[in-house]
């Protein structure tokens, strides 16, 4: 699976997430290396770097600056699902590595 030049937005989040439906993720991929920039909602600027396996699963690390000016970091794994319309839905399990170190889940869908 290749995520190059695809855009995603969250459609579901746990309450401890900083992303929202106003956050847009722009993915770029070269080989198995995935990078992304994102912003919107509570996020001023965010970036992630990841490895994509042969089935499209993503193992990522992210960092972002929120509207409060705080630098937040975390880890996340994403599993893809192909929706009926052919677009990708990502099921994510993540944990903050800063702040309260809490865990959460998100669902992102391709725009």
PDB file of N, CA and C in Angstrom:
ATOM      1  N   UNK A   1       0.849  -1.177   0.000  1.00  0.00           N
ATOM      2  CA  UNK A   1       0.000   0.000   0.000  1.00  0.00           C
ATOM      3  C   UNK A   1       0.896   1.241   0.000  1.00  0.00           C
ATOM      4  N   UNK A   2       0.514   2.223  -0.783  1.00  0.00           N
ATOM      5  CA  UNK A   2       1.290   3.453  -0.860  1.00  0.00           C
ATOM      6  C   UNK A   2       0.413   4.638  -0.469  1.00  0.00           C
ATOM      7  N   UNK A   3       0.919   5.437   0.459  1.00  0.00           N
ATOM      8  CA  UNK A   3       0.174   6.583   0.976  1.00  0.00           C
ATOM      9  C   UNK A   3       0.631   7.902   0.352  1.00  0.00           C
ATOM     10  N   UNK A   4       1.509   7.824  -0.655  1.00  0.00           N
ATOM     11  CA  UNK A   4       2.101   9.040  -1.209  1.00  0.00           C
ATOM     12  C   UNK A   4       1.044  10.027  -1.724  1.00  0.00           C
ATOM     13  N   UNK A   5       1.167  11.261  -1.271  1.00  0.00           N
ATOM     14  CA  UNK A   5       0.333  12.393  -1.689  1.00  0.00           C
ATOM     15  C   UNK A   5      -1.143  12.238  -1.312  1.00  0.00           C
ATOM     16  N   UNK A   6      -1.420  11.406  -0.301  1.00  0.00           N
ATOM     17  CA  UNK A   6      -2.797  11.257   0.175  1.00  0.00           C
ATOM     18  C   UNK A   6      -3.023  12.175   1.372  1.00  0.00           C
ATOM     19  N   UNK A   7      -4.268  12.649   1.516  1.00  0.00           N
ATOM     20  CA  UNK A   7      -4.639  13.499   2.641  1.00  0.00           C
ATOM     21  C   UNK A   7      -5.707  12.796   3.459  1.00  0.00           C
ATOM     22  N   UNK A   8      -5.609  12.948   4.790  1.00  0.00           N
ATOM     23  CA  UNK A   8      -6.526  12.312   5.722  1.00  0.00           C
ATOM     24  C   UNK A   8      -7.014  13.326   6.744  1.00  0.00           C
ATOM     25  N   UNK A   9      -8.178  13.039   7.332  1.00  0.00           N
ATOM     26  CA  UNK A   9      -8.655  13.830   8.469  1.00  0.00           C
ATOM     27  C   UNK A   9      -9.287  12.892   9.485  1.00  0.00           C
ATOM     28  N   UNK A  10      -9.187  13.236  10.770  1.00  0.00           N
ATOM     29  CA  UNK A  10      -9.803  12.410  11.804  1.00  0.00           C
ATOM     30  C   UNK A  10     -11.334  12.466  11.717  1.00  0.00           C
ATOM     31  N   UNK A  11     -11.965  11.327  11.903  1.00  0.00           N
ATOM     32  CA  UNK A  11     -13.427  11.258  11.964  1.00  0.00           C
ATOM     33  C   UNK A  11     -13.892  10.735  13.319  1.00  0.00           C
ATOM     34  N   UNK A  12     -12.942  10.251  14.126  1.00  0.00           N
ATOM     35  CA  UNK A  12     -13.255   9.736  15.458  1.00  0.00           C
ATOM     36  C   UNK A  12     -11.998   9.831  16.314  1.00  0.00           C
ATOM     37  N   UNK A  13     -12.156  10.233  17.575  1.00  0.00           N
ATOM     38  CA  UNK A  13     -11.034  10.396  18.492  1.00  0.00           C
ATOM     39  C   UNK A  13     -11.460  10.121  19.914  1.00  0.00           C
ATOM     40  N   UNK A  14     -10.508   9.724  20.746  1.00  0.00           N
ATOM     41  CA  UNK A  14     -10.752   9.691  22.182  1.00  0.00           C
ATOM     42  C   UNK A  14     -10.558  11.116  22.713  1.00  0.00           C
ATOM     43  N   UNK A  15     -11.145  11.445  23.865  1.00  0.00           N
ATOM     44  CA  UNK A  15     -11.134  12.825  24.363  1.00  0.00           C
ATOM     45  C   UNK A  15      -9.744  13.423  24.616  1.00  0.00           C
ATOM     46  N   UNK A  16      -8.718  12.594  24.844  1.00  0.00           N
ATOM     47  CA  UNK A  16      -7.379  13.107  25.134  1.00  0.00           C
ATOM     48  C   UNK A  16      -6.572  13.431  23.874  1.00  0.00           C
ATOM     49  N   UNK A  17      -7.184  13.350  22.704  1.00  0.00           N
ATOM     50  CA  UNK A  17      -6.506  13.692  21.445  1.00  0.00           C
ATOM     51  C   UNK A  17      -6.508  15.206  21.240  1.00  0.00           C
ATOM     52  N   UNK A  18      -5.497  15.705  20.534  1.00  0.00           N
ATOM     53  CA  UNK A  18      -5.472  17.120  20.169  1.00  0.00           C
ATOM     54  C   UNK A  18      -5.953  17.338  18.732  1.00  0.00           C
ATOM     55  N   UNK A  19      -6.007  16.284  17.939  1.00  0.00           N
ATOM     56  CA  UNK A  19      -6.478  16.423  16.564  1.00  0.00           C
ATOM     57  C   UNK A  19      -8.001  16.420  16.529  1.00  0.00           C
ATOM     58  N   UNK A  20      -8.551  16.945  15.434  1.00  0.00           N
ATOM     59  CA  UNK A  20     -10.002  17.024  15.252  1.00  0.00           C
ATOM     60  C   UNK A  20     -10.305  16.939  13.758  1.00  0.00           C
ATOM     61  N   UNK A  21     -11.582  17.044  13.398  1.00  0.00           N
ATOM     62  CA  UNK A  21     -11.962  17.027  11.983  1.00  0.00           C
ATOM     63  C   UNK A  21     -11.372  18.214  11.223  1.00  0.00           C
ATOM     64  N   UNK A  22     -10.877  19.213  11.935  1.00  0.00           N
ATOM     65  CA  UNK A  22     -10.233  20.375  11.307  1.00  0.00           C
ATOM     66  C   UNK A  22      -8.753  20.149  11.039  1.00  0.00           C
ATOM     67  N   UNK A  23      -8.210  19.026  11.496  1.00  0.00           N
ATOM     68  CA  UNK A  23      -6.800  18.709  11.291  1.00  0.00           C
ATOM     69  C   UNK A  23      -6.646  17.926   9.991  1.00  0.00           C
ATOM     70  N   UNK A  24      -5.785  18.411   9.104  1.00  0.00           N
ATOM     71  CA  UNK A  24      -5.535  17.727   7.827  1.00  0.00           C
ATOM     72  C   UNK A  24      -4.102  17.200   7.812  1.00  0.00           C
ATOM     73  N   UNK A  25      -3.975  15.916   7.490  1.00  0.00           N
ATOM     74  CA  UNK A  25      -2.689  15.231   7.397  1.00  0.00           C
ATOM     75  C   UNK A  25      -2.341  15.048   5.918  1.00  0.00           C
ATOM     76  N   UNK A  26      -1.139  15.447   5.513  1.00  0.00           N
ATOM     77  CA  UNK A  26      -0.685  15.264   4.131  1.00  0.00           C
ATOM     78  C   UNK A  26       0.501  14.298   4.143  1.00  0.00           C
ATOM     79  N   UNK A  27       0.269  13.082   3.622  1.00  0.00           N
ATOM     80  CA  UNK A  27       1.265  12.017   3.642  1.00  0.00           C
ATOM     81  C   UNK A  27       2.117  12.042   2.380  1.00  0.00           C
ATOM     82  N   UNK A  28       3.401  11.704   2.570  1.00  0.00           N
ATOM     83  CA  UNK A  28       4.332  11.469   1.463  1.00  0.00           C
ATOM     84  C   UNK A  28       5.074  10.185   1.777  1.00  0.00           C
ATOM     85  N   UNK A  29       5.315   9.370   0.741  1.00  0.00           N
ATOM     86  CA  UNK A  29       5.966   8.086   0.970  1.00  0.00           C
ATOM     87  C   UNK A  29       7.002   7.816  -0.106  1.00  0.00           C
ATOM     88  N   UNK A  30       8.176   7.355   0.336  1.00  0.00           N
ATOM     89  CA  UNK A  30       9.229   6.877  -0.563  1.00  0.00           C
ATOM     90  C   UNK A  30       9.656   5.512  -0.052  1.00  0.00           C
ATOM     91  N   UNK A  31       9.379   4.487  -0.837  1.00  0.00           N
ATOM     92  CA  UNK A  31       9.651   3.125  -0.376  1.00  0.00           C
ATOM     93  C   UNK A  31       8.809   2.834   0.849  1.00  0.00           C
ATOM     94  N   UNK A  32       9.457   2.367   1.914  1.00  0.00           N
ATOM     95  CA  UNK A  32       8.718   2.059   3.140  1.00  0.00           C
ATOM     96  C   UNK A  32       8.724   3.228   4.131  1.00  0.00           C
ATOM     97  N   UNK A  33       9.333   4.353   3.759  1.00  0.00           N
ATOM     98  CA  UNK A  33       9.416   5.505   4.659  1.00  0.00           C
ATOM     99  C   UNK A  33       8.289   6.485   4.371  1.00  0.00           C
ATOM    100  N   UNK A  34       7.519   6.763   5.414  1.00  0.00           N
ATOM    101  CA  UNK A  34       6.376   7.661   5.323  1.00  0.00           C
ATOM    102  C   UNK A  34       6.665   8.908   6.156  1.00  0.00           C
ATOM    103  N   UNK A  35       6.391  10.078   5.579  1.00  0.00           N
ATOM    104  CA  UNK A  35       6.462  11.328   6.334  1.00  0.00           C
ATOM    105  C   UNK A  35       5.139  12.050   6.155  1.00  0.00           C
ATOM    106  N   UNK A  36       4.882  12.989   7.052  1.00  0.00           N
ATOM    107  CA  UNK A  36       3.610  13.693   7.017  1.00  0.00           C
ATOM    108  C   UNK A  36       3.755  15.032   7.715  1.00  0.00           C
ATOM    109  N   UNK A  37       3.083  16.035   7.176  1.00  0.00           N
ATOM    110  CA  UNK A  37       2.901  17.301   7.877  1.00  0.00           C
ATOM    111  C   UNK A  37       1.408  17.459   8.114  1.00  0.00           C
ATOM    112  N   UNK A  38       1.061  18.109   9.218  1.00  0.00           N
ATOM    113  CA  UNK A  38      -0.352  18.295   9.533  1.00  0.00           C
ATOM    114  C   UNK A  38      -0.551  19.553  10.365  1.00  0.00           C
ATOM    115  N   UNK A  39      -1.762  20.087  10.262  1.00  0.00           N
ATOM    116  CA  UNK A  39      -2.143  21.271  11.036  1.00  0.00           C
ATOM    117  C   UNK A  39      -3.655  21.409  10.988  1.00  0.00           C
ATOM    118  N   UNK A  40      -4.159  22.312  11.829  1.00  0.00           N
ATOM    119  CA  UNK A  40      -5.596  22.583  11.871  1.00  0.00           C
ATOM    120  C   UNK A  40      -6.190  22.257  13.216  1.00  0.00           C
ATOM    121  N   UNK A  41      -7.255  22.951  13.557  1.00  0.00           N
ATOM    122  CA  UNK A  41      -7.872  22.762  14.865  1.00  0.00           C
ATOM    123  C   UNK A  41      -6.921  23.245  15.946  1.00  0.00           C
ATOM    124  N   UNK A  42      -6.652  22.387  16.933  1.00  0.00           N
ATOM    125  CA  UNK A  42      -5.756  22.733  18.041  1.00  0.00           C
ATOM    126  C   UNK A  42      -4.279  22.634  17.668  1.00  0.00           C
ATOM    127  N   UNK A  43      -3.971  22.123  16.463  1.00  0.00           N
ATOM    128  CA  UNK A  43      -2.582  21.892  16.063  1.00  0.00           C
ATOM    129  C   UNK A  43      -2.088  23.037  15.175  1.00  0.00           C
ATOM    130  N   UNK A  44      -1.043  23.725  15.635  1.00  0.00           N
ATOM    131  CA  UNK A  44      -0.420  24.765  14.824  1.00  0.00           C
ATOM    132  C   UNK A  44       0.429  24.128  13.734  1.00  0.00           C
ATOM    133  N   UNK A  45       1.255  23.150  14.114  1.00  0.00           N
ATOM    134  CA  UNK A  45       2.118  22.461  13.148  1.00  0.00           C
ATOM    135  C   UNK A  45       2.503  21.116  13.726  1.00  0.00           C
ATOM    136  N   UNK A  46       2.424  20.078  12.899  1.00  0.00           N
ATOM    137  CA  UNK A  46       2.836  18.746  13.319  1.00  0.00           C
ATOM    138  C   UNK A  46       3.560  18.021  12.211  1.00  0.00           C
ATOM    139  N   UNK A  47       4.392  17.070  12.605  1.00  0.00           N
ATOM    140  CA  UNK A  47       5.122  16.232  11.666  1.00  0.00           C
ATOM    141  C   UNK A  47       5.179  14.814  12.215  1.00  0.00           C
ATOM    142  N   UNK A  48       5.265  13.855  11.300  1.00  0.00           N
ATOM    143  CA  UNK A  48       5.490  12.483  11.726  1.00  0.00           C
ATOM    144  C   UNK A  48       6.430  11.799  10.749  1.00  0.00           C
ATOM    145  N   UNK A  49       7.084  10.766  11.245  1.00  0.00           N
ATOM    146  CA  UNK A  49       7.902   9.890  10.409  1.00  0.00           C
ATOM    147  C   UNK A  49       7.533   8.459  10.777  1.00  0.00           C
ATOM    148  N   UNK A  50       7.509   7.583   9.764  1.00  0.00           N
ATOM    149  CA  UNK A  50       7.007   6.231   9.997  1.00  0.00           C
ATOM    150  C   UNK A  50       7.619   5.243   9.028  1.00  0.00           C
ATOM    151  N   UNK A  51       7.440   3.988   9.371  1.00  0.00           N
ATOM    152  CA  UNK A  51       7.767   2.862   8.499  1.00  0.00           C
ATOM    153  C   UNK A  51       6.452   2.169   8.147  1.00  0.00           C
ATOM    154  N   UNK A  52       6.265   1.867   6.863  1.00  0.00           N
ATOM    155  CA  UNK A  52       5.072   1.164   6.378  1.00  0.00           C
ATOM    156  C   UNK A  52       5.475  -0.262   6.025  1.00  0.00           C
ATOM    157  N   UNK A  53       4.747  -1.247   6.538  1.00  0.00           N
ATOM    158  CA  UNK A  53       5.067  -2.634   6.189  1.00  0.00           C
ATOM    159  C   UNK A  53       4.365  -3.051   4.899  1.00  0.00           C
ATOM    160  N   UNK A  54       4.571  -4.279   4.481  1.00  0.00           N
ATOM    161  CA  UNK A  54       4.067  -4.759   3.192  1.00  0.00           C
ATOM    162  C   UNK A  54       2.548  -4.801   3.113  1.00  0.00           C
ATOM    163  N   UNK A  55       1.856  -4.806   4.250  1.00  0.00           N
ATOM    164  CA  UNK A  55       0.386  -4.822   4.234  1.00  0.00           C
ATOM    165  C   UNK A  55      -0.224  -3.440   4.505  1.00  0.00           C
ATOM    166  N   UNK A  56       0.638  -2.409   4.621  1.00  0.00           N
ATOM    167  CA  UNK A  56       0.149  -1.048   4.813  1.00  0.00           C
ATOM    168  C   UNK A  56       0.052  -0.596   6.253  1.00  0.00           C
ATOM    169  N   UNK A  57       0.436  -1.450   7.208  1.00  0.00           N
ATOM    170  CA  UNK A  57       0.455  -1.039   8.608  1.00  0.00           C
ATOM    171  C   UNK A  57       1.555  -0.005   8.820  1.00  0.00           C
ATOM    172  N   UNK A  58       1.283   0.980   9.664  1.00  0.00           N
ATOM    173  CA  UNK A  58       2.196   2.100   9.874  1.00  0.00           C
ATOM    174  C   UNK A  58       2.660   2.114  11.331  1.00  0.00           C
ATOM    175  N   UNK A  59       3.987   2.251  11.518  1.00  0.00           N
ATOM    176  CA  UNK A  59       4.594   2.409  12.840  1.00  0.00           C
ATOM    177  C   UNK A  59       5.224   3.792  12.845  1.00  0.00           C
ATOM    178  N   UNK A  60       4.655   4.737  13.622  1.00  0.00           N
ATOM    179  CA  UNK A  60       5.074   6.138  13.512  1.00  0.00           C
ATOM    180  C   UNK A  60       5.458   6.755  14.838  1.00  0.00           C
ATOM    181  N   UNK A  61       6.203   7.853  14.712  1.00  0.00           N
ATOM    182  CA  UNK A  61       6.525   8.758  15.809  1.00  0.00           C
ATOM    183  C   UNK A  61       6.098  10.148  15.358  1.00  0.00           C
ATOM    184  N   UNK A  62       5.488  10.908  16.251  1.00  0.00           N
ATOM    185  CA  UNK A  62       5.007  12.232  15.866  1.00  0.00           C
ATOM    186  C   UNK A  62       5.385  13.284  16.897  1.00  0.00           C
ATOM    187  N   UNK A  63       5.452  14.524  16.422  1.00  0.00           N
ATOM    188  CA  UNK A  63       5.622  15.671  17.309  1.00  0.00           C
ATOM    189  C   UNK A  63       4.823  16.827  16.730  1.00  0.00           C
ATOM    190  N   UNK A  64       4.295  17.656  17.632  1.00  0.00           N
ATOM    191  CA  UNK A  64       3.429  18.739  17.200  1.00  0.00           C
ATOM    192  C   UNK A  64       3.468  19.877  18.210  1.00  0.00           C
ATOM    193  N   UNK A  65       3.184  21.077  17.709  1.00  0.00           N
ATOM    194  CA  UNK A  65       3.025  22.244  18.577  1.00  0.00           C
ATOM    195  C   UNK A  65       1.544  22.602  18.552  1.00  0.00           C
ATOM    196  N   UNK A  66       0.937  22.665  19.737  1.00  0.00           N
ATOM    197  CA  UNK A  66      -0.491  22.982  19.805  1.00  0.00           C
ATOM    198  C   UNK A  66      -0.705  24.496  19.929  1.00  0.00           C
ATOM    199  N   UNK A  67      -1.950  24.908  19.901  1.00  0.00           N
ATOM    200  CA  UNK A  67      -2.295  26.340  19.954  1.00  0.00           C
ATOM    201  C   UNK A  67      -1.862  27.003  21.266  1.00  0.00           C
ATOM    202  N   UNK A  68      -1.617  26.198  22.307  1.00  0.00           N
ATOM    203  CA  UNK A  68      -1.120  26.743  23.579  1.00  0.00           C
ATOM    204  C   UNK A  68       0.389  26.986  23.530  1.00  0.00           C
ATOM    205  N   UNK A  69       1.038  26.575  22.421  1.00  0.00           N
ATOM    206  CA  UNK A  69       2.486  26.712  22.302  1.00  0.00           C
ATOM    207  C   UNK A  69       3.262  25.576  22.927  1.00  0.00           C
ATOM    208  N   UNK A  70       2.582  24.465  23.233  1.00  0.00           N
ATOM    209  CA  UNK A  70       3.233  23.312  23.851  1.00  0.00           C
ATOM    210  C   UNK A  70       3.730  22.348  22.777  1.00  0.00           C
ATOM    211  N   UNK A  71       4.920  21.812  22.985  1.00  0.00           N
ATOM    212  CA  UNK A  71       5.465  20.774  22.119  1.00  0.00           C
ATOM    213  C   UNK A  71       5.041  19.430  22.681  1.00  0.00           C
ATOM    214  N   UNK A  72       4.305  18.659  21.890  1.00  0.00           N
ATOM    215  CA  UNK A  72       3.797  17.356  22.311  1.00  0.00           C
ATOM    216  C   UNK A  72       4.380  16.276  21.397  1.00  0.00           C
ATOM    217  N   UNK A  73       4.648  15.094  21.974  1.00  0.00           N
ATOM    218  CA  UNK A  73       5.233  13.993  21.210  1.00  0.00           C
ATOM    219  C   UNK A  73       4.475  12.698  21.492  1.00  0.00           C
ATOM    220  N   UNK A  74       4.570  11.754  20.553  1.00  0.00           N
ATOM    221  CA  UNK A  74       3.904  10.481  20.766  1.00  0.00           C
ATOM    222  C   UNK A  74       4.306   9.407  19.785  1.00  0.00           C
ATOM    223  N   UNK A  75       3.781   8.214  20.028  1.00  0.00           N
ATOM    224  CA  UNK A  75       3.969   7.049  19.168  1.00  0.00           C
ATOM    225  C   UNK A  75       2.597   6.555  18.743  1.00  0.00           C
ATOM    226  N   UNK A  76       2.546   5.914  17.572  1.00  0.00           N
ATOM    227  CA  UNK A  76       1.256   5.477  17.041  1.00  0.00           C
ATOM    228  C   UNK A  76       1.455   4.312  16.079  1.00  0.00           C
ATOM    229  N   UNK A  77       0.502   3.381  16.093  1.00  0.00           N
ATOM    230  CA  UNK A  77       0.424   2.357  15.055  1.00  0.00           C
ATOM    231  C   UNK A  77      -0.921   2.517  14.358  1.00  0.00           C
ATOM    232  N   UNK A  78      -0.906   2.382  13.035  1.00  0.00           N
ATOM    233  CA  UNK A  78      -2.119   2.515  12.223  1.00  0.00           C
ATOM    234  C   UNK A  78      -2.300   1.282  11.366  1.00  0.00           C
ATOM    235  N   UNK A  79      -3.552   0.834  11.270  1.00  0.00           N
ATOM    236  CA  UNK A  79      -3.899  -0.292  10.400  1.00  0.00           C
ATOM    237  C   UNK A  79      -4.905   0.195   9.366  1.00  0.00           C
ATOM    238  N   UNK A  80      -4.643  -0.079   8.077  1.00  0.00           N
ATOM    239  CA  UNK A  80      -5.544   0.405   7.034  1.00  0.00           C
ATOM    240  C   UNK A  80      -6.747  -0.491   6.802  1.00  0.00           C
ATOM    241  N   UNK A  81      -7.807   0.133   6.361  1.00  0.00           N
ATOM    242  CA  UNK A  81      -9.017  -0.560   5.905  1.00  0.00           C
ATOM    243  C   UNK A  81      -9.421   0.124   4.601  1.00  0.00           C
ATOM    244  N   UNK A  82      -9.723  -0.647   3.574  1.00  0.00           N
ATOM    245  CA  UNK A  82     -10.214  -0.068   2.324  1.00  0.00           C
ATOM    246  C   UNK A  82     -11.729  -0.003   2.412  1.00  0.00           C
ATOM    247  N   UNK A  83     -12.259   1.226   2.318  1.00  0.00           N
ATOM    248  CA  UNK A  83     -13.710   1.423   2.415  1.00  0.00           C
ATOM    249  C   UNK A  83     -14.383   1.074   1.089  1.00  0.00           C
ATOM    250  N   UNK A  84     -15.702   0.984   1.099  1.00  0.00           N
ATOM    251  CA  UNK A  84     -16.483   0.627  -0.093  1.00  0.00           C
ATOM    252  C   UNK A  84     -16.230   1.588  -1.250  1.00  0.00           C
ATOM    253  N   UNK A  85     -15.914   2.855  -0.937  1.00  0.00           N
ATOM    254  CA  UNK A  85     -15.651   3.845  -1.993  1.00  0.00           C
ATOM    255  C   UNK A  85     -14.214   3.805  -2.512  1.00  0.00           C
ATOM    256  N   UNK A  86     -13.401   2.843  -2.008  1.00  0.00           N
ATOM    257  CA  UNK A  86     -12.023   2.691  -2.462  1.00  0.00           C
ATOM    258  C   UNK A  86     -11.016   3.536  -1.694  1.00  0.00           C
ATOM    259  N   UNK A  87     -11.494   4.407  -0.834  1.00  0.00           N
ATOM    260  CA  UNK A  87     -10.603   5.255  -0.029  1.00  0.00           C
ATOM    261  C   UNK A  87     -10.130   4.484   1.196  1.00  0.00           C
ATOM    262  N   UNK A  88      -9.082   5.015   1.833  1.00  0.00           N
ATOM    263  CA  UNK A  88      -8.456   4.342   2.970  1.00  0.00           C
ATOM    264  C   UNK A  88      -8.974   4.928   4.285  1.00  0.00           C
ATOM    265  N   UNK A  89      -9.268   4.038   5.215  1.00  0.00           N
ATOM    266  CA  UNK A  89      -9.577   4.417   6.598  1.00  0.00           C
ATOM    267  C   UNK A  89      -8.444   3.854   7.464  1.00  0.00           C
ATOM    268  N   UNK A  90      -7.898   4.691   8.345  1.00  0.00           N
ATOM    269  CA  UNK A  90      -6.814   4.272   9.227  1.00  0.00           C
ATOM    270  C   UNK A  90      -7.326   4.151  10.658  1.00  0.00           C
ATOM    271  N   UNK A  91      -7.099   2.988  11.263  1.00  0.00           N
ATOM    272  CA  UNK A  91      -7.453   2.731  12.660  1.00  0.00           C
ATOM    273  C   UNK A  91      -6.174   2.872  13.474  1.00  0.00           C
ATOM    274  N   UNK A  92      -6.150   3.852  14.386  1.00  0.00           N
ATOM    275  CA  UNK A  92      -4.914   4.203  15.075  1.00  0.00           C
ATOM    276  C   UNK A  92      -4.993   3.961  16.579  1.00  0.00           C
ATOM    277  N   UNK A  93      -3.899   3.429  17.114  1.00  0.00           N
ATOM    278  CA  UNK A  93      -3.686   3.303  18.555  1.00  0.00           C
ATOM    279  C   UNK A  93      -2.429   4.092  18.868  1.00  0.00           C
ATOM    280  N   UNK A  94      -2.549   5.046  19.790  1.00  0.00           N
ATOM    281  CA  UNK A  94      -1.431   5.947  20.040  1.00  0.00           C
ATOM    282  C   UNK A  94      -1.239   6.184  21.531  1.00  0.00           C
ATOM    283  N   UNK A  95      -0.064   6.736  21.846  1.00  0.00           N
ATOM    284  CA  UNK A  95       0.240   7.105  23.227  1.00  0.00           C
ATOM    285  C   UNK A  95       1.108   8.348  23.223  1.00  0.00           C
ATOM    286  N   UNK A  96       0.771   9.276  24.106  1.00  0.00           N
ATOM    287  CA  UNK A  96       1.622  10.445  24.299  1.00  0.00           C
ATOM    288  C   UNK A  96       2.924   9.997  24.953  1.00  0.00           C
ATOM    289  N   UNK A  97       4.056  10.548  24.491  1.00  0.00           N
ATOM    290  CA  UNK A  97       5.343  10.335  25.159  1.00  0.00           C
ATOM    291  C   UNK A  97       5.748  11.612  25.892  1.00  0.00           C
ATOM    292  N   UNK A  98       4.840  12.569  25.922  1.00  0.00           N
ATOM    293  CA  UNK A  98       4.991  13.795  26.703  1.00  0.00           C
ATOM    294  C   UNK A  98       3.669  14.026  27.433  1.00  0.00           C
ATOM    295  N   UNK A  99       3.620  15.050  28.254  1.00  0.00           N
ATOM    296  CA  UNK A  99       2.375  15.336  28.976  1.00  0.00           C
ATOM    297  C   UNK A  99       2.004  14.208  29.915  1.00  0.00           C
ATOM    298  N   UNK A 100       0.747  13.777  29.869  1.00  0.00           N
ATOM    299  CA  UNK A 100       0.254  12.778  30.821  1.00  0.00           C
ATOM    300  C   UNK A 100       0.524  11.321  30.428  1.00  0.00           C
ATOM    301  N   UNK A 101       1.156  11.099  29.280  1.00  0.00           N
ATOM    302  CA  UNK A 101       1.524   9.757  28.798  1.00  0.00           C
ATOM    303  C   UNK A 101       0.311   8.855  28.543  1.00  0.00           C
ATOM    304  N   UNK A 102      -0.874   9.452  28.406  1.00  0.00           N
ATOM    305  CA  UNK A 102      -2.091   8.662  28.203  1.00  0.00           C
ATOM    306  C   UNK A 102      -2.138   8.049  26.803  1.00  0.00           C
ATOM    307  N   UNK A 103      -3.005   7.044  26.675  1.00  0.00           N
ATOM    308  CA  UNK A 103      -3.211   6.337  25.408  1.00  0.00           C
ATOM    309  C   UNK A 103      -4.550   6.741  24.813  1.00  0.00           C
ATOM    310  N   UNK A 104      -4.703   6.513  23.501  1.00  0.00           N
ATOM    311  CA  UNK A 104      -5.968   6.813  22.852  1.00  0.00           C
ATOM    312  C   UNK A 104      -6.106   6.097  21.526  1.00  0.00           C
ATOM    313  N   UNK A 105      -7.259   6.265  20.902  1.00  0.00           N
ATOM    314  CA  UNK A 105      -7.547   5.698  19.595  1.00  0.00           C
ATOM    315  C   UNK A 105      -8.134   6.789  18.713  1.00  0.00           C
ATOM    316  N   UNK A 106      -7.815   6.691  17.427  1.00  0.00           N
ATOM    317  CA  UNK A 106      -8.346   7.613  16.431  1.00  0.00           C
ATOM    318  C   UNK A 106      -8.692   6.838  15.168  1.00  0.00           C
ATOM    319  N   UNK A 107      -9.611   7.393  14.384  1.00  0.00           N
ATOM    320  CA  UNK A 107      -9.912   6.877  13.062  1.00  0.00           C
ATOM    321  C   UNK A 107      -9.767   8.047  12.096  1.00  0.00           C
ATOM    322  N   UNK A 108      -8.943   7.851  11.052  1.00  0.00           N
ATOM    323  CA  UNK A 108      -8.756   8.863  10.019  1.00  0.00           C
ATOM    324  C   UNK A 108      -9.296   8.315   8.707  1.00  0.00           C
ATOM    325  N   UNK A 109      -9.842   9.211   7.882  1.00  0.00           N
ATOM    326  CA  UNK A 109     -10.311   8.788   6.562  1.00  0.00           C
ATOM    327  C   UNK A 109      -9.684   9.657   5.488  1.00  0.00           C
ATOM    328  N   UNK A 110      -9.390   9.018   4.364  1.00  0.00           N
ATOM    329  CA  UNK A 110      -8.803   9.706   3.226  1.00  0.00           C
ATOM    330  C   UNK A 110      -9.798  10.693   2.647  1.00  0.00           C
ATOM    331  N   UNK A 111      -9.298  11.865   2.306  1.00  0.00           N
ATOM    332  CA  UNK A 111     -10.138  12.900   1.684  1.00  0.00           C
ATOM    333  C   UNK A 111     -10.273  12.654   0.193  1.00  0.00           C
TER     334      UNK A 111
END
